[in-house]
Amino acid sequence: MSFPFEFQRPVAALALTAALAFVAPAASAQGAPDEMWVSMVKLGGAMHATAQRCGGYTEAELEDLKQQQRAVAVESGISAAEFEKVFTAAETQLVQRWNTMSPAQQAQACKDIKQQMSMSR
């Protein structure tokens, strides 16, 4: 999930980028299965969709984060096309979930995410 609140923006962006950068060399060295990368890319897509719904990022910032994630994934052997396919599917799936929620449920979900993030600081 994304943590799209102003005080968490650097933390969320750095956390995902750092996680991907940390996993990339290990995956290459150990021949880790593609499933690990698929999970990481799915997480990125879900974070992107959450940030779009809860606010805190501009579209340009979200696109920049996505490009950074893509670069790390491609560096570790995932094709750009596969990255895009998995990222978009995860993003779409989360958007569909959001669309089934009432505005009050969406607001509460964003509030809950913010609260969870503030507790993990």
PDB file of N, CA and C in Angstrom:
ATOM      1  N   MET A   1       0.823  -1.178   0.000  1.00  0.00           N
ATOM      2  CA  MET A   1       0.000   0.000   0.000  1.00  0.00           C
ATOM      3  C   MET A   1       0.868   1.242   0.000  1.00  0.00           C
ATOM      4  N   SER A   2       0.350   2.294  -0.519  1.00  0.00           N
ATOM      5  CA  SER A   2       1.069   3.554  -0.512  1.00  0.00           C
ATOM      6  C   SER A   2       0.747   4.316   0.746  1.00  0.00           C
ATOM      7  N   PHE A   3       1.638   5.185   1.095  1.00  0.00           N
ATOM      8  CA  PHE A   3       1.485   5.998   2.261  1.00  0.00           C
ATOM      9  C   PHE A   3       1.567   7.435   1.783  1.00  0.00           C
ATOM     10  N   PRO A   4       0.459   7.928   1.226  1.00  0.00           N
ATOM     11  CA  PRO A   4       0.489   9.146   0.438  1.00  0.00           C
ATOM     12  C   PRO A   4       0.334  10.441   1.214  1.00  0.00           C
ATOM     13  N   PHE A   5       0.699  10.481   2.431  1.00  0.00           N
ATOM     14  CA  PHE A   5       0.493  11.669   3.210  1.00  0.00           C
ATOM     15  C   PHE A   5       1.771  12.469   3.270  1.00  0.00           C
ATOM     16  N   GLU A   6       1.628  13.782   3.279  1.00  0.00           N
ATOM     17  CA  GLU A   6       2.762  14.683   3.154  1.00  0.00           C
ATOM     18  C   GLU A   6       3.940  14.287   4.040  1.00  0.00           C
ATOM     19  N   PHE A   7       3.707  13.994   5.307  1.00  0.00           N
ATOM     20  CA  PHE A   7       4.815  13.702   6.197  1.00  0.00           C
ATOM     21  C   PHE A   7       5.449  12.355   5.897  1.00  0.00           C
ATOM     22  N   GLN A   8       4.812  11.550   5.083  1.00  0.00           N
ATOM     23  CA  GLN A   8       5.330  10.226   4.793  1.00  0.00           C
ATOM     24  C   GLN A   8       5.851  10.094   3.379  1.00  0.00           C
ATOM     25  N   ARG A   9       5.734  11.090   2.569  1.00  0.00           N
ATOM     26  CA  ARG A   9       6.115  10.994   1.171  1.00  0.00           C
ATOM     27  C   ARG A   9       7.548  10.522   0.996  1.00  0.00           C
ATOM     28  N   PRO A  10       8.521  11.168   1.629  1.00  0.00           N
ATOM     29  CA  PRO A  10       9.888  10.706   1.420  1.00  0.00           C
ATOM     30  C   PRO A  10      10.095   9.285   1.937  1.00  0.00           C
ATOM     31  N   VAL A  11       9.455   8.969   3.051  1.00  0.00           N
ATOM     32  CA  VAL A  11       9.611   7.644   3.627  1.00  0.00           C
ATOM     33  C   VAL A  11       9.067   6.570   2.698  1.00  0.00           C
ATOM     34  N   ALA A  12       7.879   6.775   2.174  1.00  0.00           N
ATOM     35  CA  ALA A  12       7.266   5.777   1.299  1.00  0.00           C
ATOM     36  C   ALA A  12       8.064   5.605   0.019  1.00  0.00           C
ATOM     37  N   ALA A  13       8.456   6.700  -0.591  1.00  0.00           N
ATOM     38  CA  ALA A  13       9.206   6.625  -1.839  1.00  0.00           C
ATOM     39  C   ALA A  13      10.550   5.955  -1.620  1.00  0.00           C
ATOM     40  N   LEU A  14      11.247   6.370  -0.580  1.00  0.00           N
ATOM     41  CA  LEU A  14      12.550   5.781  -0.308  1.00  0.00           C
ATOM     42  C   LEU A  14      12.435   4.326   0.109  1.00  0.00           C
ATOM     43  N   ALA A  15      11.403   3.996   0.859  1.00  0.00           N
ATOM     44  CA  ALA A  15      11.248   2.619   1.314  1.00  0.00           C
ATOM     45  C   ALA A  15      11.075   1.664   0.146  1.00  0.00           C
ATOM     46  N   LEU A  16      10.210   2.007  -0.783  1.00  0.00           N
ATOM     47  CA  LEU A  16       9.990   1.113  -1.919  1.00  0.00           C
ATOM     48  C   LEU A  16      11.220   1.045  -2.802  1.00  0.00           C
ATOM     49  N   THR A  17      11.820   2.180  -3.094  1.00  0.00           N
ATOM     50  CA  THR A  17      13.010   2.188  -3.943  1.00  0.00           C
ATOM     51  C   THR A  17      14.143   1.425  -3.278  1.00  0.00           C
ATOM     52  N   ALA A  18      14.317   1.632  -1.981  1.00  0.00           N
ATOM     53  CA  ALA A  18      15.371   0.918  -1.261  1.00  0.00           C
ATOM     54  C   ALA A  18      15.097  -0.579  -1.225  1.00  0.00           C
ATOM     55  N   ALA A  19      13.854  -0.948  -1.022  1.00  0.00           N
ATOM     56  CA  ALA A  19      13.513  -2.375  -1.005  1.00  0.00           C
ATOM     57  C   ALA A  19      13.821  -3.011  -2.345  1.00  0.00           C
ATOM     58  N   LEU A  20      13.442  -2.343  -3.412  1.00  0.00           N
ATOM     59  CA  LEU A  20      13.719  -2.877  -4.738  1.00  0.00           C
ATOM     60  C   LEU A  20      15.218  -2.939  -4.998  1.00  0.00           C
ATOM     61  N   ALA A  21      15.952  -1.908  -4.603  1.00  0.00           N
ATOM     62  CA  ALA A  21      17.400  -1.880  -4.821  1.00  0.00           C
ATOM     63  C   ALA A  21      18.093  -2.957  -3.994  1.00  0.00           C
ATOM     64  N   PHE A  22      17.599  -3.215  -2.806  1.00  0.00           N
ATOM     65  CA  PHE A  22      18.177  -4.241  -1.941  1.00  0.00           C
ATOM     66  C   PHE A  22      17.913  -5.638  -2.495  1.00  0.00           C
ATOM     67  N   VAL A  23      16.707  -5.840  -2.981  1.00  0.00           N
ATOM     68  CA  VAL A  23      16.318  -7.156  -3.481  1.00  0.00           C
ATOM     69  C   VAL A  23      16.984  -7.460  -4.819  1.00  0.00           C
ATOM     70  N   ALA A  24      17.224  -6.447  -5.647  1.00  0.00           N
ATOM     71  CA  ALA A  24      17.769  -6.663  -6.992  1.00  0.00           C
ATOM     72  C   ALA A  24      19.070  -7.443  -6.985  1.00  0.00           C
ATOM     73  N   PRO A  25      20.108  -7.022  -6.242  1.00  0.00           N
ATOM     74  CA  PRO A  25      21.349  -7.781  -6.270  1.00  0.00           C
ATOM     75  C   PRO A  25      21.180  -9.184  -5.699  1.00  0.00           C
ATOM     76  N   ALA A  26      20.383  -9.316  -4.647  1.00  0.00           N
ATOM     77  CA  ALA A  26      20.168 -10.632  -4.050  1.00  0.00           C
ATOM     78  C   ALA A  26      19.457 -11.560  -5.023  1.00  0.00           C
ATOM     79  N   ALA A  27      18.487 -11.029  -5.725  1.00  0.00           N
ATOM     80  CA  ALA A  27      17.749 -11.838  -6.690  1.00  0.00           C
ATOM     81  C   ALA A  27      18.665 -12.303  -7.803  1.00  0.00           C
ATOM     82  N   SER A  28      19.512 -11.417  -8.293  1.00  0.00           N
ATOM     83  CA  SER A  28      20.423 -11.773  -9.368  1.00  0.00           C
ATOM     84  C   SER A  28      21.443 -12.797  -8.898  1.00  0.00           C
ATOM     85  N   ALA A  29      21.975 -12.589  -7.711  1.00  0.00           N
ATOM     86  CA  ALA A  29      23.018 -13.468  -7.194  1.00  0.00           C
ATOM     87  C   ALA A  29      22.486 -14.850  -6.855  1.00  0.00           C
ATOM     88  N   GLN A  30      21.272 -14.912  -6.382  1.00  0.00           N
ATOM     89  CA  GLN A  30      20.718 -16.181  -5.932  1.00  0.00           C
ATOM     90  C   GLN A  30      19.810 -16.823  -6.965  1.00  0.00           C
ATOM     91  N   GLY A  31      19.596 -16.171  -8.080  1.00  0.00           N
ATOM     92  CA  GLY A  31      18.684 -16.731  -9.070  1.00  0.00           C
ATOM     93  C   GLY A  31      17.275 -16.822  -8.524  1.00  0.00           C
ATOM     94  N   ALA A  32      16.866 -15.811  -7.772  1.00  0.00           N
ATOM     95  CA  ALA A  32      15.545 -15.822  -7.144  1.00  0.00           C
ATOM     96  C   ALA A  32      14.456 -15.930  -8.200  1.00  0.00           C
ATOM     97  N   PRO A  33      13.373 -16.551  -7.855  1.00  0.00           N
ATOM     98  CA  PRO A  33      12.284 -16.734  -8.820  1.00  0.00           C
ATOM     99  C   PRO A  33      11.616 -15.417  -9.195  1.00  0.00           C
ATOM    100  N   ASP A  34      11.053 -15.404 -10.385  1.00  0.00           N
ATOM    101  CA  ASP A  34      10.343 -14.223 -10.859  1.00  0.00           C
ATOM    102  C   ASP A  34       9.182 -13.844  -9.937  1.00  0.00           C
ATOM    103  N   GLU A  35       8.666 -14.803  -9.189  1.00  0.00           N
ATOM    104  CA  GLU A  35       7.534 -14.512  -8.311  1.00  0.00           C
ATOM    105  C   GLU A  35       7.870 -13.410  -7.314  1.00  0.00           C
ATOM    106  N   MET A  36       9.113 -13.368  -6.862  1.00  0.00           N
ATOM    107  CA  MET A  36       9.507 -12.321  -5.924  1.00  0.00           C
ATOM    108  C   MET A  36       9.382 -10.960  -6.600  1.00  0.00           C
ATOM    109  N   TRP A  37       9.833 -10.871  -7.842  1.00  0.00           N
ATOM    110  CA  TRP A  37       9.749  -9.606  -8.561  1.00  0.00           C
ATOM    111  C   TRP A  37       8.320  -9.247  -8.895  1.00  0.00           C
ATOM    112  N   VAL A  38       7.546 -10.232  -9.235  1.00  0.00           N
ATOM    113  CA  VAL A  38       6.134  -9.972  -9.514  1.00  0.00           C
ATOM    114  C   VAL A  38       5.466  -9.380  -8.277  1.00  0.00           C
ATOM    115  N   SER A  39       5.773  -9.930  -7.117  1.00  0.00           N
ATOM    116  CA  SER A  39       5.201  -9.402  -5.868  1.00  0.00           C
ATOM    117  C   SER A  39       5.634  -7.969  -5.615  1.00  0.00           C
ATOM    118  N   MET A  40       6.895  -7.664  -5.860  1.00  0.00           N
ATOM    119  CA  MET A  40       7.390  -6.307  -5.651  1.00  0.00           C
ATOM    120  C   MET A  40       6.732  -5.326  -6.619  1.00  0.00           C
ATOM    121  N   VAL A  41       6.565  -5.740  -7.858  1.00  0.00           N
ATOM    122  CA  VAL A  41       5.938  -4.874  -8.861  1.00  0.00           C
ATOM    123  C   VAL A  41       4.462  -4.679  -8.532  1.00  0.00           C
ATOM    124  N   LYS A  42       3.803  -5.736  -8.076  1.00  0.00           N
ATOM    125  CA  LYS A  42       2.401  -5.619  -7.661  1.00  0.00           C
ATOM    126  C   LYS A  42       2.270  -4.629  -6.515  1.00  0.00           C
ATOM    127  N   LEU A  43       3.186  -4.688  -5.567  1.00  0.00           N
ATOM    128  CA  LEU A  43       3.168  -3.753  -4.453  1.00  0.00           C
ATOM    129  C   LEU A  43       3.279  -2.323  -4.963  1.00  0.00           C
ATOM    130  N   GLY A  44       4.169  -2.103  -5.918  1.00  0.00           N
ATOM    131  CA  GLY A  44       4.316  -0.770  -6.501  1.00  0.00           C
ATOM    132  C   GLY A  44       3.031  -0.289  -7.155  1.00  0.00           C
ATOM    133  N   GLY A  45       2.368  -1.165  -7.899  1.00  0.00           N
ATOM    134  CA  GLY A  45       1.105  -0.796  -8.540  1.00  0.00           C
ATOM    135  C   GLY A  45       0.024  -0.478  -7.530  1.00  0.00           C
ATOM    136  N   ALA A  46      -0.034  -1.263  -6.475  1.00  0.00           N
ATOM    137  CA  ALA A  46      -1.028  -1.018  -5.426  1.00  0.00           C
ATOM    138  C   ALA A  46      -0.740   0.288  -4.697  1.00  0.00           C
ATOM    139  N   MET A  47       0.544   0.564  -4.445  1.00  0.00           N
ATOM    140  CA  MET A  47       0.914   1.817  -3.789  1.00  0.00           C
ATOM    141  C   MET A  47       0.545   3.010  -4.664  1.00  0.00           C
ATOM    142  N   HIS A  48       0.760   2.864  -5.937  1.00  0.00           N
ATOM    143  CA  HIS A  48       0.447   3.928  -6.888  1.00  0.00           C
ATOM    144  C   HIS A  48      -1.051   4.247  -6.853  1.00  0.00           C
ATOM    145  N   ALA A  49      -1.868   3.211  -6.924  1.00  0.00           N
ATOM    146  CA  ALA A  49      -3.321   3.401  -6.912  1.00  0.00           C
ATOM    147  C   ALA A  49      -3.793   4.010  -5.590  1.00  0.00           C
ATOM    148  N   THR A  50      -3.207   3.584  -4.495  1.00  0.00           N
ATOM    149  CA  THR A  50      -3.595   4.127  -3.197  1.00  0.00           C
ATOM    150  C   THR A  50      -3.226   5.596  -3.102  1.00  0.00           C
ATOM    151  N   ALA A  51      -2.044   5.942  -3.590  1.00  0.00           N
ATOM    152  CA  ALA A  51      -1.620   7.342  -3.564  1.00  0.00           C
ATOM    153  C   ALA A  51      -2.540   8.207  -4.418  1.00  0.00           C
ATOM    154  N   GLN A  52      -3.007   7.675  -5.524  1.00  0.00           N
ATOM    155  CA  GLN A  52      -3.941   8.427  -6.364  1.00  0.00           C
ATOM    156  C   GLN A  52      -5.242   8.681  -5.618  1.00  0.00           C
ATOM    157  N   ARG A  53      -5.696   7.719  -4.852  1.00  0.00           N
ATOM    158  CA  ARG A  53      -6.964   7.856  -4.138  1.00  0.00           C
ATOM    159  C   ARG A  53      -6.855   8.704  -2.885  1.00  0.00           C
ATOM    160  N   CYS A  54      -5.783   8.545  -2.135  1.00  0.00           N
ATOM    161  CA  CYS A  54      -5.667   9.227  -0.843  1.00  0.00           C
ATOM    162  C   CYS A  54      -4.959  10.567  -0.933  1.00  0.00           C
ATOM    163  N   GLY A  55      -4.352  10.853  -2.048  1.00  0.00           N
ATOM    164  CA  GLY A  55      -3.702  12.143  -2.231  1.00  0.00           C
ATOM    165  C   GLY A  55      -2.291  12.189  -1.687  1.00  0.00           C
ATOM    166  N   GLY A  56      -1.685  13.358  -1.828  1.00  0.00           N
ATOM    167  CA  GLY A  56      -0.352  13.568  -1.298  1.00  0.00           C
ATOM    168  C   GLY A  56       0.748  13.564  -2.335  1.00  0.00           C
ATOM    169  N   TYR A  57       0.472  13.072  -3.524  1.00  0.00           N
ATOM    170  CA  TYR A  57       1.446  13.047  -4.610  1.00  0.00           C
ATOM    171  C   TYR A  57       0.832  13.676  -5.852  1.00  0.00           C
ATOM    172  N   THR A  58       1.647  14.328  -6.653  1.00  0.00           N
ATOM    173  CA  THR A  58       1.184  14.783  -7.959  1.00  0.00           C
ATOM    174  C   THR A  58       1.325  13.615  -8.930  1.00  0.00           C
ATOM    175  N   GLU A  59       0.672  13.711 -10.067  1.00  0.00           N
ATOM    176  CA  GLU A  59       0.811  12.662 -11.083  1.00  0.00           C
ATOM    177  C   GLU A  59       2.259  12.566 -11.552  1.00  0.00           C
ATOM    178  N   ALA A  60       2.933  13.704 -11.651  1.00  0.00           N
ATOM    179  CA  ALA A  60       4.339  13.696 -12.070  1.00  0.00           C
ATOM    180  C   ALA A  60       5.210  12.956 -11.053  1.00  0.00           C
ATOM    181  N   GLU A  61       4.957  13.173  -9.776  1.00  0.00           N
ATOM    182  CA  GLU A  61       5.720  12.466  -8.736  1.00  0.00           C
ATOM    183  C   GLU A  61       5.451  10.967  -8.789  1.00  0.00           C
ATOM    184  N   LEU A  62       4.198  10.602  -8.979  1.00  0.00           N
ATOM    185  CA  LEU A  62       3.867   9.181  -9.076  1.00  0.00           C
ATOM    186  C   LEU A  62       4.534   8.541 -10.290  1.00  0.00           C
ATOM    187  N   GLU A  63       4.536   9.252 -11.393  1.00  0.00           N
ATOM    188  CA  GLU A  63       5.178   8.724 -12.599  1.00  0.00           C
ATOM    189  C   GLU A  63       6.682   8.572 -12.388  1.00  0.00           C
ATOM    190  N   ASP A  64       7.288   9.523 -11.703  1.00  0.00           N
ATOM    191  CA  ASP A  64       8.725   9.442 -11.414  1.00  0.00           C
ATOM    192  C   ASP A  64       9.023   8.220 -10.540  1.00  0.00           C
ATOM    193  N   LEU A  65       8.218   7.994  -9.519  1.00  0.00           N
ATOM    194  CA  LEU A  65       8.407   6.818  -8.662  1.00  0.00           C
ATOM    195  C   LEU A  65       8.256   5.533  -9.465  1.00  0.00           C
ATOM    196  N   LYS A  66       7.275   5.502 -10.335  1.00  0.00           N
ATOM    197  CA  LYS A  66       7.059   4.320 -11.171  1.00  0.00           C
ATOM    198  C   LYS A  66       8.276   4.082 -12.069  1.00  0.00           C
ATOM    199  N   GLN A  67       8.819   5.137 -12.641  1.00  0.00           N
ATOM    200  CA  GLN A  67       9.994   5.001 -13.504  1.00  0.00           C
ATOM    201  C   GLN A  67      11.194   4.465 -12.720  1.00  0.00           C
ATOM    202  N   GLN A  68      11.349   4.928 -11.496  1.00  0.00           N
ATOM    203  CA  GLN A  68      12.435   4.423 -10.646  1.00  0.00           C
ATOM    204  C   GLN A  68      12.250   2.936 -10.355  1.00  0.00           C
ATOM    205  N   GLN A  69      11.022   2.549 -10.055  1.00  0.00           N
ATOM    206  CA  GLN A  69      10.735   1.140  -9.779  1.00  0.00           C
ATOM    207  C   GLN A  69      10.997   0.291 -11.019  1.00  0.00           C
ATOM    208  N   ARG A  70      10.558   0.801 -12.179  1.00  0.00           N
ATOM    209  CA  ARG A  70      10.771   0.082 -13.429  1.00  0.00           C
ATOM    210  C   ARG A  70      12.255  -0.111 -13.686  1.00  0.00           C
ATOM    211  N   ALA A  71      13.051   0.937 -13.483  1.00  0.00           N
ATOM    212  CA  ALA A  71      14.490   0.861 -13.733  1.00  0.00           C
ATOM    213  C   ALA A  71      15.160  -0.213 -12.885  1.00  0.00           C
ATOM    214  N   VAL A  72      14.793  -0.278 -11.612  1.00  0.00           N
ATOM    215  CA  VAL A  72      15.383  -1.285 -10.726  1.00  0.00           C
ATOM    216  C   VAL A  72      14.946  -2.682 -11.163  1.00  0.00           C
ATOM    217  N   ALA A  73      13.693  -2.840 -11.507  1.00  0.00           N
ATOM    218  CA  ALA A  73      13.189  -4.152 -11.932  1.00  0.00           C
ATOM    219  C   ALA A  73      13.862  -4.597 -13.234  1.00  0.00           C
ATOM    220  N   VAL A  74      13.981  -3.680 -14.177  1.00  0.00           N
ATOM    221  CA  VAL A  74      14.609  -4.007 -15.462  1.00  0.00           C
ATOM    222  C   VAL A  74      16.076  -4.368 -15.244  1.00  0.00           C
ATOM    223  N   GLU A  75      16.727  -3.642 -14.359  1.00  0.00           N
ATOM    224  CA  GLU A  75      18.130  -3.929 -14.049  1.00  0.00           C
ATOM    225  C   GLU A  75      18.295  -5.347 -13.519  1.00  0.00           C
ATOM    226  N   SER A  76      17.277  -5.855 -12.842  1.00  0.00           N
ATOM    227  CA  SER A  76      17.367  -7.201 -12.298  1.00  0.00           C
ATOM    228  C   SER A  76      16.829  -8.282 -13.214  1.00  0.00           C
ATOM    229  N   GLY A  77      16.455  -7.903 -14.435  1.00  0.00           N
ATOM    230  CA  GLY A  77      16.088  -8.933 -15.395  1.00  0.00           C
ATOM    231  C   GLY A  77      14.626  -8.987 -15.789  1.00  0.00           C
ATOM    232  N   ILE A  78      13.794  -8.168 -15.206  1.00  0.00           N
ATOM    233  CA  ILE A  78      12.390  -8.124 -15.596  1.00  0.00           C
ATOM    234  C   ILE A  78      12.281  -7.220 -16.825  1.00  0.00           C
ATOM    235  N   SER A  79      11.558  -7.653 -17.819  1.00  0.00           N
ATOM    236  CA  SER A  79      11.409  -6.798 -19.006  1.00  0.00           C
ATOM    237  C   SER A  79      10.504  -5.615 -18.675  1.00  0.00           C
ATOM    238  N   ALA A  80      10.714  -4.523 -19.385  1.00  0.00           N
ATOM    239  CA  ALA A  80       9.878  -3.334 -19.183  1.00  0.00           C
ATOM    240  C   ALA A  80       8.416  -3.663 -19.476  1.00  0.00           C
ATOM    241  N   ALA A  81       8.190  -4.489 -20.486  1.00  0.00           N
ATOM    242  CA  ALA A  81       6.812  -4.869 -20.839  1.00  0.00           C
ATOM    243  C   ALA A  81       6.167  -5.683 -19.719  1.00  0.00           C
ATOM    244  N   GLU A  82       6.914  -6.603 -19.136  1.00  0.00           N
ATOM    245  CA  GLU A  82       6.372  -7.408 -18.028  1.00  0.00           C
ATOM    246  C   GLU A  82       6.105  -6.527 -16.816  1.00  0.00           C
ATOM    247  N   PHE A  83       7.035  -5.614 -16.530  1.00  0.00           N
ATOM    248  CA  PHE A  83       6.828  -4.681 -15.426  1.00  0.00           C
ATOM    249  C   PHE A  83       5.516  -3.931 -15.622  1.00  0.00           C
ATOM    250  N   GLU A  84       5.346  -3.365 -16.798  1.00  0.00           N
ATOM    251  CA  GLU A  84       4.150  -2.565 -17.083  1.00  0.00           C
ATOM    252  C   GLU A  84       2.880  -3.398 -16.951  1.00  0.00           C
ATOM    253  N   LYS A  85       2.921  -4.607 -17.458  1.00  0.00           N
ATOM    254  CA  LYS A  85       1.755  -5.501 -17.404  1.00  0.00           C
ATOM    255  C   LYS A  85       1.362  -5.796 -15.954  1.00  0.00           C
ATOM    256  N   VAL A  86       2.331  -6.181 -15.135  1.00  0.00           N
ATOM    257  CA  VAL A  86       2.054  -6.543 -13.741  1.00  0.00           C
ATOM    258  C   VAL A  86       1.670  -5.317 -12.924  1.00  0.00           C
ATOM    259  N   PHE A  87       2.390  -4.221 -13.105  1.00  0.00           N
ATOM    260  CA  PHE A  87       2.118  -2.983 -12.376  1.00  0.00           C
ATOM    261  C   PHE A  87       0.699  -2.510 -12.666  1.00  0.00           C
ATOM    262  N   THR A  88       0.354  -2.447 -13.942  1.00  0.00           N
ATOM    263  CA  THR A  88      -0.967  -1.961 -14.352  1.00  0.00           C
ATOM    264  C   THR A  88      -2.082  -2.878 -13.853  1.00  0.00           C
ATOM    265  N   ALA A  89      -1.850  -4.176 -13.887  1.00  0.00           N
ATOM    266  CA  ALA A  89      -2.864  -5.117 -13.398  1.00  0.00           C
ATOM    267  C   ALA A  89      -3.118  -4.912 -11.904  1.00  0.00           C
ATOM    268  N   ALA A  90      -2.052  -4.746 -11.125  1.00  0.00           N
ATOM    269  CA  ALA A  90      -2.210  -4.537  -9.683  1.00  0.00           C
ATOM    270  C   ALA A  90      -2.888  -3.201  -9.399  1.00  0.00           C
ATOM    271  N   GLU A  91      -2.488  -2.181 -10.146  1.00  0.00           N
ATOM    272  CA  GLU A  91      -3.096  -0.857  -9.990  1.00  0.00           C
ATOM    273  C   GLU A  91      -4.593  -0.918 -10.320  1.00  0.00           C
ATOM    274  N   THR A  92      -4.928  -1.560 -11.413  1.00  0.00           N
ATOM    275  CA  THR A  92      -6.325  -1.690 -11.841  1.00  0.00           C
ATOM    276  C   THR A  92      -7.149  -2.462 -10.816  1.00  0.00           C
ATOM    277  N   GLN A  93      -6.565  -3.528 -10.293  1.00  0.00           N
ATOM    278  CA  GLN A  93      -7.281  -4.337  -9.296  1.00  0.00           C
ATOM    279  C   GLN A  93      -7.603  -3.508  -8.050  1.00  0.00           C
ATOM    280  N   LEU A  94      -6.660  -2.713  -7.602  1.00  0.00           N
ATOM    281  CA  LEU A  94      -6.918  -1.903  -6.417  1.00  0.00           C
ATOM    282  C   LEU A  94      -7.934  -0.802  -6.706  1.00  0.00           C
ATOM    283  N   VAL A  95      -7.849  -0.195  -7.881  1.00  0.00           N
ATOM    284  CA  VAL A  95      -8.838   0.822  -8.262  1.00  0.00           C
ATOM    285  C   VAL A  95     -10.239   0.206  -8.275  1.00  0.00           C
ATOM    286  N   GLN A  96     -10.352  -1.001  -8.795  1.00  0.00           N
ATOM    287  CA  GLN A  96     -11.657  -1.674  -8.807  1.00  0.00           C
ATOM    288  C   GLN A  96     -12.172  -1.891  -7.390  1.00  0.00           C
ATOM    289  N   ARG A  97     -11.285  -2.263  -6.473  1.00  0.00           N
ATOM    290  CA  ARG A  97     -11.696  -2.423  -5.070  1.00  0.00           C
ATOM    291  C   ARG A  97     -12.179  -1.089  -4.503  1.00  0.00           C
ATOM    292  N   TRP A  98     -11.420  -0.023  -4.758  1.00  0.00           N
ATOM    293  CA  TRP A  98     -11.820   1.297  -4.269  1.00  0.00           C
ATOM    294  C   TRP A  98     -13.188   1.673  -4.815  1.00  0.00           C
ATOM    295  N   ASN A  99     -13.443   1.360  -6.064  1.00  0.00           N
ATOM    296  CA  ASN A  99     -14.700   1.729  -6.695  1.00  0.00           C
ATOM    297  C   ASN A  99     -15.901   1.017  -6.095  1.00  0.00           C
ATOM    298  N   THR A 100     -15.685  -0.067  -5.387  1.00  0.00           N
ATOM    299  CA  THR A 100     -16.790  -0.766  -4.723  1.00  0.00           C
ATOM    300  C   THR A 100     -17.083  -0.177  -3.342  1.00  0.00           C
ATOM    301  N   MET A 101     -16.210   0.709  -2.888  1.00  0.00           N
ATOM    302  CA  MET A 101     -16.360   1.298  -1.561  1.00  0.00           C
ATOM    303  C   MET A 101     -17.128   2.616  -1.643  1.00  0.00           C
ATOM    304  N   SER A 102     -17.878   2.899  -0.606  1.00  0.00           N
ATOM    305  CA  SER A 102     -18.560   4.189  -0.524  1.00  0.00           C
ATOM    306  C   SER A 102     -17.527   5.278  -0.260  1.00  0.00           C
ATOM    307  N   PRO A 103     -17.886   6.533  -0.508  1.00  0.00           N
ATOM    308  CA  PRO A 103     -16.954   7.633  -0.181  1.00  0.00           C
ATOM    309  C   PRO A 103     -16.528   7.616   1.293  1.00  0.00           C
ATOM    310  N   ALA A 104     -17.444   7.279   2.174  1.00  0.00           N
ATOM    311  CA  ALA A 104     -17.105   7.213   3.602  1.00  0.00           C
ATOM    312  C   ALA A 104     -16.101   6.089   3.869  1.00  0.00           C
ATOM    313  N   GLN A 105     -16.287   4.949   3.212  1.00  0.00           N
ATOM    314  CA  GLN A 105     -15.345   3.842   3.381  1.00  0.00           C
ATOM    315  C   GLN A 105     -13.969   4.195   2.814  1.00  0.00           C
ATOM    316  N   GLN A 106     -13.965   4.896   1.693  1.00  0.00           N
ATOM    317  CA  GLN A 106     -12.692   5.317   1.106  1.00  0.00           C
ATOM    318  C   GLN A 106     -11.964   6.280   2.043  1.00  0.00           C
ATOM    319  N   ALA A 107     -12.692   7.239   2.578  1.00  0.00           N
ATOM    320  CA  ALA A 107     -12.088   8.204   3.506  1.00  0.00           C
ATOM    321  C   ALA A 107     -11.543   7.487   4.737  1.00  0.00           C
ATOM    322  N   GLN A 108     -12.291   6.517   5.232  1.00  0.00           N
ATOM    323  CA  GLN A 108     -11.838   5.768   6.408  1.00  0.00           C
ATOM    324  C   GLN A 108     -10.602   4.942   6.076  1.00  0.00           C
ATOM    325  N   ALA A 109     -10.563   4.353   4.893  1.00  0.00           N
ATOM    326  CA  ALA A 109      -9.385   3.567   4.484  1.00  0.00           C
ATOM    327  C   ALA A 109      -8.146   4.458   4.438  1.00  0.00           C
ATOM    328  N   CYS A 110      -8.273   5.643   3.872  1.00  0.00           N
ATOM    329  CA  CYS A 110      -7.139   6.577   3.829  1.00  0.00           C
ATOM    330  C   CYS A 110      -6.724   6.973   5.242  1.00  0.00           C
ATOM    331  N   LYS A 111      -7.698   7.231   6.084  1.00  0.00           N
ATOM    332  CA  LYS A 111      -7.410   7.587   7.474  1.00  0.00           C
ATOM    333  C   LYS A 111      -6.689   6.436   8.175  1.00  0.00           C
ATOM    334  N   ASP A 112      -7.147   5.211   7.951  1.00  0.00           N
ATOM    335  CA  ASP A 112      -6.522   4.043   8.572  1.00  0.00           C
ATOM    336  C   ASP A 112      -5.075   3.873   8.112  1.00  0.00           C
ATOM    337  N   ILE A 113      -4.836   4.082   6.829  1.00  0.00           N
ATOM    338  CA  ILE A 113      -3.480   3.973   6.300  1.00  0.00           C
ATOM    339  C   ILE A 113      -2.586   5.020   6.958  1.00  0.00           C
ATOM    340  N   LYS A 114      -3.096   6.225   7.051  1.00  0.00           N
ATOM    341  CA  LYS A 114      -2.327   7.300   7.690  1.00  0.00           C
ATOM    342  C   LYS A 114      -2.013   6.949   9.137  1.00  0.00           C
ATOM    343  N   GLN A 115      -2.992   6.416   9.837  1.00  0.00           N
ATOM    344  CA  GLN A 115      -2.795   6.057  11.239  1.00  0.00           C
ATOM    345  C   GLN A 115      -1.782   4.927  11.364  1.00  0.00           C
ATOM    346  N   GLN A 116      -1.857   3.920  10.510  1.00  0.00           N
ATOM    347  CA  GLN A 116      -0.905   2.819  10.548  1.00  0.00           C
ATOM    348  C   GLN A 116       0.513   3.310  10.305  1.00  0.00           C
ATOM    349  N   MET A 117       0.647   4.232   9.350  1.00  0.00           N
ATOM    350  CA  MET A 117       1.963   4.766   9.061  1.00  0.00           C
ATOM    351  C   MET A 117       2.521   5.587  10.202  1.00  0.00           C
ATOM    352  N   SER A 118       1.671   6.356  10.854  1.00  0.00           N
ATOM    353  CA  SER A 118       2.176   7.169  11.960  1.00  0.00           C
ATOM    354  C   SER A 118       2.593   6.283  13.128  1.00  0.00           C
ATOM    355  N   MET A 119       1.966   5.127  13.280  1.00  0.00           N
ATOM    356  CA  MET A 119       2.331   4.204  14.346  1.00  0.00           C
ATOM    357  C   MET A 119       3.637   3.503  14.042  1.00  0.00           C
ATOM    358  N   SER A 120       3.974   3.352  12.748  1.00  0.00           N
ATOM    359  CA  SER A 120       5.192   2.635  12.391  1.00  0.00           C
ATOM    360  C   SER A 120       6.413   3.543  12.343  1.00  0.00           C
ATOM    361  N   ARG A 121       6.230   4.795  12.578  1.00  0.00           N
ATOM    362  CA  ARG A 121       7.358   5.747  12.545  1.00  0.00           C
ATOM    363  C   ARG A 121       8.179   5.661  13.766  1.00  0.00           C
TER     364      ARG A 121
END
